[in-house]
Protein backbone atom coordinates (compact mmCIF):
# COMPACT_ATOMS: atom_id res chain seq x y z
CA MET A 1 0.00 0.00 0.00
CA ALA A 2 2.73 2.47 0.92
CA THR A 3 6.21 3.35 -0.24
CA SER A 4 8.09 5.26 2.48
CA ASP A 5 5.65 8.05 3.38
CA ARG A 6 3.51 7.76 0.24
CA LEU A 7 0.21 5.87 0.04
CA GLN A 8 -1.80 4.52 -2.87
CA LEU A 9 -5.47 4.86 -1.96
CA LYS A 10 -8.75 4.33 -3.76
CA VAL A 11 -11.75 6.63 -3.80
CA ALA A 12 -14.33 4.56 -1.93
CA ASP A 13 -17.01 7.24 -1.96
CA LEU A 14 -17.49 10.86 -2.92
CA HIS A 15 -20.40 13.16 -2.46
CA CYS A 16 -21.35 16.81 -2.75
CA GLU A 17 -21.40 18.20 0.78
CA ALA A 18 -22.46 21.73 -0.23
CA ARG A 19 -22.35 23.88 -3.32
CA ASP A 20 -18.82 23.53 -4.79
CA VAL A 21 -17.69 21.34 -1.87
CA MET A 22 -16.84 17.68 -2.45
CA VAL A 23 -15.94 15.15 0.26
CA LEU A 24 -13.73 12.22 -0.75
CA GLU A 25 -13.56 9.01 1.25
CA LEU A 26 -10.22 7.29 0.69
CA ARG A 27 -9.38 3.72 1.70
CA ALA A 28 -6.60 1.21 1.16
CA SER A 29 -7.33 -1.03 -1.82
CA ASP A 30 -6.67 -4.12 0.29
CA GLY A 31 -8.74 -2.90 3.22
CA ALA A 32 -5.71 -2.53 5.46
CA ALA A 33 -5.63 -0.12 8.37
CA LEU A 34 -4.32 3.33 7.50
CA PRO A 35 -1.63 5.26 9.39
CA PRO A 36 -3.19 7.14 12.31
CA PHE A 37 -3.83 10.87 12.29
CA THR A 38 -4.63 13.55 14.84
CA PRO A 39 -7.28 16.31 14.66
CA GLY A 40 -6.15 19.13 12.36
CA ALA A 41 -4.04 16.88 10.10
CA HIS A 42 -3.96 17.02 6.32
CA LEU A 43 -2.97 14.87 3.34
CA GLU A 44 -0.95 15.84 0.31
CA LEU A 45 -2.65 14.63 -2.87
CA TYR A 46 -0.34 14.02 -5.81
CA LEU A 47 -2.33 14.86 -8.91
CA PRO A 48 -1.57 14.71 -12.66
CA GLY A 49 0.68 17.44 -14.03
CA ASN A 50 2.98 17.31 -11.00
CA LEU A 51 0.36 19.07 -8.89
CA ILE A 52 0.61 18.65 -5.13
CA ARG A 53 -2.34 19.88 -3.12
CA HIS A 54 -3.02 19.83 0.63
CA TYR A 55 -6.46 18.93 1.97
CA SER A 56 -7.50 18.65 5.60
CA LEU A 57 -8.91 15.47 7.07
CA CYS A 58 -12.44 16.02 8.35
CA ASN A 59 -13.43 12.61 9.72
CA ASP A 60 -12.97 11.31 13.26
CA SER A 61 -9.31 10.77 14.07
CA VAL A 62 -10.07 7.47 15.83
CA GLU A 63 -10.98 5.93 12.47
CA ARG A 64 -8.24 3.80 10.92
CA ASP A 65 -10.14 2.43 7.92
CA ARG A 66 -10.59 5.65 5.96
CA TYR A 67 -9.53 9.23 5.37
CA CYS A 68 -12.11 11.86 4.45
CA VAL A 69 -11.04 15.16 2.91
CA GLY A 70 -13.17 18.12 1.92
CA VAL A 71 -12.28 19.91 -1.32
CA GLY A 72 -13.77 23.26 -2.21
CA LEU A 73 -13.80 24.24 -5.88
CA ALA A 74 -11.65 27.37 -5.96
CA ARG A 75 -12.86 30.13 -8.24
CA ASP A 76 -9.29 30.74 -9.33
CA SER A 77 -8.29 27.05 -9.27
CA ARG A 78 -4.78 26.33 -10.53
CA GLY A 79 -5.91 22.84 -11.48
CA GLY A 80 -6.03 20.91 -8.21
CA SER A 81 -9.56 21.41 -6.96
CA ARG A 82 -10.89 21.44 -10.53
CA TYR A 83 -9.32 18.04 -11.18
CA VAL A 84 -10.82 16.58 -8.00
CA HIS A 85 -14.30 17.89 -8.81
CA GLN A 86 -14.31 17.02 -12.50
CA ASN A 87 -12.22 13.86 -12.84
CA LEU A 88 -12.32 11.70 -9.72
CA ARG A 89 -14.86 8.90 -9.49
CA VAL A 90 -15.52 6.02 -7.11
CA GLY A 91 -12.79 3.48 -7.82
CA SER A 92 -10.20 6.07 -8.87
CA THR A 93 -6.78 5.68 -7.31
CA LEU A 94 -4.80 8.50 -5.75
CA ALA A 95 -1.27 8.84 -4.47
CA THR A 96 -1.19 10.68 -1.15
CA SER A 97 1.22 11.41 1.66
CA THR A 98 0.77 9.96 5.09
CA PRO A 99 -1.08 12.38 7.40
CA ARG A 100 0.81 15.47 8.54
CA ASN A 101 -0.27 17.98 11.15
CA ASN A 102 0.77 21.63 11.31
CA PHE A 103 -2.49 22.60 13.05
CA PRO A 104 -2.70 20.21 16.01
CA LEU A 105 -5.46 20.30 18.59
CA GLU A 106 -4.28 20.77 22.17
CA LEU A 107 -6.11 17.79 23.62
CA GLN A 108 -5.68 18.85 27.26
CA ALA A 109 -7.43 22.22 26.95
CA ASP A 110 -10.61 22.90 28.90
CA GLU A 111 -12.23 25.22 26.37
CA TYR A 112 -12.04 25.62 22.60
CA VAL A 113 -13.21 28.41 20.31
CA PHE A 114 -13.32 27.48 16.62
CA ILE A 115 -13.68 30.05 13.83
CA ALA A 116 -14.09 28.73 10.28
CA GLY A 117 -14.53 30.46 6.95
CA GLY A 118 -15.87 28.47 4.00
CA ILE A 119 -13.89 25.29 3.33
CA GLY A 120 -11.84 26.12 6.43
CA ILE A 121 -14.42 24.07 8.33
CA THR A 122 -12.74 20.80 7.25
CA PRO A 123 -9.94 20.53 9.85
CA ILE A 124 -12.24 21.95 12.49
CA MET A 125 -14.80 19.17 11.92
CA SER A 126 -12.20 16.64 13.05
CA MET A 127 -11.45 18.83 16.07
CA ILE A 128 -15.11 19.12 17.05
CA ARG A 129 -15.49 15.35 16.81
CA ALA A 130 -12.54 14.98 19.19
CA CYS A 131 -14.10 17.48 21.61
CA GLU A 132 -17.42 15.63 21.53
CA SER A 133 -15.83 12.27 22.27
CA ARG A 134 -13.85 13.79 25.16
CA HIS A 135 -16.80 15.85 26.48
CA ARG A 136 -14.86 19.12 26.16
CA ASN A 137 -16.40 22.59 25.92
CA TRP A 138 -16.39 24.06 22.42
CA ARG A 139 -17.90 26.92 20.44
CA LEU A 140 -17.95 27.27 16.66
CA TYR A 141 -18.36 30.45 14.60
CA TYR A 142 -18.81 29.41 10.97
CA CYS A 143 -18.77 32.03 8.22
CA ALA A 144 -20.02 31.27 4.70
CA ARG A 145 -21.34 33.21 1.76
CA ASN A 146 -24.76 31.54 2.09
CA ARG A 147 -26.44 28.43 3.45
CA GLN A 148 -26.01 26.55 0.17
CA ARG A 149 -22.22 26.75 0.53
CA THR A 150 -22.17 25.63 4.16
CA ALA A 151 -20.53 22.21 4.36
CA PHE A 152 -21.54 19.85 7.20
CA TYR A 153 -24.51 22.05 8.10
CA GLU A 154 -26.84 19.15 8.94
CA GLU A 155 -24.20 17.32 10.97
CA LEU A 156 -23.37 20.42 12.97
CA ARG A 157 -27.05 21.01 13.61
CA SER A 158 -27.37 17.44 14.89
CA LEU A 159 -24.59 18.15 17.41
CA ALA A 160 -26.31 21.33 18.57
CA PRO A 161 -29.99 20.85 17.65
CA GLU A 162 -31.38 23.73 19.70
CA ARG A 163 -31.51 26.97 17.74
CA ASP A 164 -30.13 28.93 20.68
CA ASP A 165 -27.37 26.44 21.51
CA PRO A 166 -24.41 28.65 22.56
CA ARG A 167 -21.92 26.26 20.95
CA LEU A 168 -22.98 26.86 17.35
CA HIS A 169 -23.11 30.17 15.49
CA PHE A 170 -23.47 30.74 11.74
CA HIS A 171 -22.67 33.94 9.86
CA PHE A 172 -24.11 33.94 6.32
CA ASP A 173 -22.95 36.92 4.29
CA ASP A 174 -26.18 37.21 2.29
CA GLU A 175 -28.27 37.39 5.47
CA GLN A 176 -26.24 40.06 7.25
CA ASP A 177 -27.11 43.21 5.27
CA GLY A 178 -23.45 43.68 4.38
CA ARG A 179 -22.17 43.32 7.95
CA TYR A 180 -18.88 41.44 8.29
CA PHE A 181 -18.18 38.86 10.97
CA ASP A 182 -17.08 40.83 14.02
CA ALA A 183 -14.20 38.81 15.43
CA ALA A 184 -13.39 41.40 18.09
CA ALA A 185 -16.92 41.36 19.51
CA VAL A 186 -17.18 37.57 19.36
CA LEU A 187 -13.88 37.01 21.14
CA ALA A 188 -14.27 39.76 23.74
CA GLY A 189 -14.28 38.21 27.17
CA THR A 190 -12.87 34.88 26.00
CA ALA A 191 -11.10 33.24 28.91
CA PRO A 192 -7.29 33.45 28.63
CA THR A 193 -7.14 29.68 29.09
CA ALA A 194 -9.24 29.03 25.97
CA HIS A 195 -7.53 27.77 22.83
CA ILE A 196 -8.67 29.55 19.65
CA TYR A 197 -8.42 27.80 16.27
CA THR A 198 -9.06 29.62 12.99
CA CYS A 199 -9.03 28.39 9.39
CA GLY A 200 -10.38 30.36 6.44
CA PRO A 201 -9.63 33.07 3.91
CA GLU A 202 -7.05 35.73 4.71
CA PRO A 203 -9.43 38.60 5.66
CA LEU A 204 -11.03 36.42 8.33
CA MET A 205 -7.65 35.23 9.59
CA ARG A 206 -6.34 38.79 9.84
CA ALA A 207 -9.44 39.90 11.73
CA VAL A 208 -8.98 37.10 14.27
CA GLU A 209 -5.27 37.83 14.46
CA ALA A 210 -6.01 41.44 15.39
CA ALA A 211 -8.75 40.45 17.84
CA THR A 212 -6.47 38.02 19.69
CA ALA A 213 -3.44 40.31 19.96
CA THR A 214 -3.67 40.31 23.76
CA HIS A 215 -4.66 36.65 24.12
CA PRO A 216 -1.84 34.28 25.18
CA GLN A 217 -0.19 33.54 21.84
CA ASP A 218 0.47 29.89 22.63
CA ARG A 219 -3.33 29.49 22.70
CA VAL A 220 -4.04 31.07 19.29
CA HIS A 221 -3.71 28.78 16.27
CA PHE A 222 -4.07 29.43 12.53
CA GLU A 223 -4.24 27.26 9.41
CA TRP A 224 -3.64 29.48 6.36
CA PHE A 225 -4.98 28.76 2.87
CA THR A 226 -2.39 30.86 1.09
CA ALA A 227 0.96 32.40 1.88
CA ALA A 228 0.98 35.99 3.07
CA ALA A 229 2.41 38.60 0.73
CA VAL A 230 5.99 39.56 1.59
CA ASP A 231 7.84 42.73 0.64
CA THR A 232 11.06 41.52 -0.98
CA ALA A 233 12.40 44.92 -2.02
CA GLY A 234 14.95 44.98 0.80
CA ASP A 235 16.22 41.43 0.35
CA ARG A 236 20.00 41.07 0.36
CA PRO A 237 22.33 38.11 -0.21
CA PHE A 238 23.36 35.88 2.67
CA THR A 239 25.37 32.70 3.13
CA ILE A 240 24.25 29.28 4.27
CA LYS A 241 26.62 26.76 5.81
CA LEU A 242 25.79 23.05 5.85
CA ALA A 243 26.73 21.41 9.15
CA SER A 244 27.30 17.97 7.62
CA SER A 245 29.95 19.04 5.11
CA GLY A 246 30.95 22.58 6.03
CA ALA A 247 30.08 23.67 2.48
CA THR A 248 28.91 27.26 2.05
CA TYR A 249 26.66 28.76 -0.60
CA GLU A 250 25.41 32.28 -1.27
CA VAL A 251 21.66 32.84 -1.51
CA PRO A 252 21.01 35.90 -3.70
CA PRO A 253 17.86 38.03 -3.70
CA GLY A 254 15.05 36.47 -5.67
CA ARG A 255 16.14 32.90 -4.91
CA SER A 256 15.35 30.68 -1.95
CA ILE A 257 17.64 28.48 0.10
CA LEU A 258 15.82 25.53 -1.45
CA ASP A 259 16.57 26.84 -4.96
CA VAL A 260 20.27 27.15 -4.18
CA LEU A 261 20.48 23.66 -2.68
CA GLU A 262 18.80 22.23 -5.76
CA ASP A 263 21.33 24.07 -7.95
CA HIS A 264 24.02 22.00 -6.21
CA ASP A 265 22.10 18.71 -6.41
CA LEU A 266 21.38 18.79 -2.71
CA GLY A 267 17.78 17.72 -2.69
CA VAL A 268 15.64 18.44 0.38
CA PRO A 269 12.04 17.18 0.66
CA TYR A 270 9.54 19.90 -0.19
CA SER A 271 6.00 20.26 -1.39
CA CYS A 272 4.29 23.65 -1.48
CA ARG A 273 7.23 26.05 -1.94
CA GLU A 274 5.02 28.64 -0.21
CA GLY A 275 5.80 28.11 3.48
CA LEU A 276 2.47 26.41 4.12
CA CYS A 277 3.14 22.69 4.49
CA ALA A 278 6.33 22.40 6.62
CA THR A 279 7.75 19.61 4.46
CA CYS A 280 11.05 21.49 4.16
CA ARG A 281 11.31 22.30 7.88
CA THR A 282 15.05 22.52 8.65
CA GLY A 283 16.99 22.91 11.87
CA VAL A 284 19.05 26.06 12.47
CA ILE A 285 22.33 25.74 14.36
CA SER A 286 23.41 29.38 14.31
CA GLY A 287 22.37 32.64 12.75
CA ILE A 288 19.02 34.45 12.73
CA PRO A 289 16.36 33.44 10.20
CA ASP A 290 13.96 35.86 8.58
CA HIS A 291 10.83 33.77 8.99
CA ARG A 292 8.33 34.07 6.13
CA ASP A 293 6.31 30.89 6.53
CA SER A 294 2.72 30.49 7.72
CA VAL A 295 3.35 27.43 9.90
CA LEU A 296 5.62 28.21 12.84
CA THR A 297 4.10 29.62 16.00
CA ALA A 298 5.31 32.88 17.51
CA ALA A 299 7.26 30.92 20.11
CA GLU A 300 8.87 28.70 17.48
CA ARG A 301 9.90 31.73 15.46
CA ALA A 302 11.38 33.41 18.50
CA SER A 303 13.45 30.32 19.31
CA ASN A 304 15.03 30.38 15.81
CA ARG A 305 15.64 26.64 16.01
CA GLU A 306 13.85 25.78 12.78
CA MET A 307 12.87 27.44 9.53
CA MET A 308 11.13 26.74 6.23
CA ILE A 309 13.84 26.96 3.62
CA CYS A 310 11.42 27.27 0.69
CA VAL A 311 10.53 30.87 1.62
CA SER A 312 12.42 32.11 4.67
CA ARG A 313 15.68 34.02 4.44
CA ALA A 314 18.25 35.36 6.91
CA GLN A 315 18.59 38.44 9.06
CA SER A 316 22.21 37.52 9.83
CA GLU A 317 24.95 37.29 7.21
CA VAL A 318 25.36 33.55 7.75
CA LEU A 319 22.96 30.73 8.64
CA GLU A 320 24.31 27.34 9.64
CA LEU A 321 21.74 24.65 8.94
CA GLU A 322 21.30 21.06 10.05
CA LEU A 323 21.88 19.73 6.56
């Protein structure tokens, strides 16, 4: 079934969960148990044309017989979501990674606040299922353009069937007379011990980021769809040193550390090249990185022990890496 960290899975089922949202159920062809995953994890799907796309697992993490991923059809699709929606059928085979988790749920927390925008509900569904099975307190604020585009609506309603259940809140753009989701008002008074998890489009993420500026940062968690824009006008060259060989290479403006390593036939595993997936996570021995990824927490960035070499650069003249 698997070669190293790659799986060959079959599409056992697929269905339309909401307008432009498809859920795929993936299983091993031989019925074997799949590698375990934790709430918030995702799979890489390896699609034709050398496309690699990341989709969050939305089923219960205790399940070992299947993976379920939700795929929203992007309006500006670069081919990945369009291929899934238009070409996959029951019985199709897919190459995937084993599950990876850059958005893990803190299982020991007493209270959780989830904020989802659109297809950003997918990792949060797995988290809510974990909270339910552990009898933990949770609240969900789910933003969507309209009810027709609201994935898992019926299932969420079954978890909180009362209309005034304080755990479940929907914000439908077309029913709000132009009013945006007010993250600051929603999060005002949130206990400092609560863990806040947000996944959705950038405007929503930025609003939550601003609203949680005074919340303990080790309790605020984000899963970004796309990499944040970075001003590269002031980029300057720097040198990397490889600890294993002592070799040094210059990284000029406009090129990444990963690019330079590839120029010298020094392959490092990577996937997104956008600082979103953490496949190229690399240890830092000395020097100060200029972190430009969307994965590391504030504490991890401050420690300067790791960096994503597909996008991040250096503040110091030299970086020595665990390569």
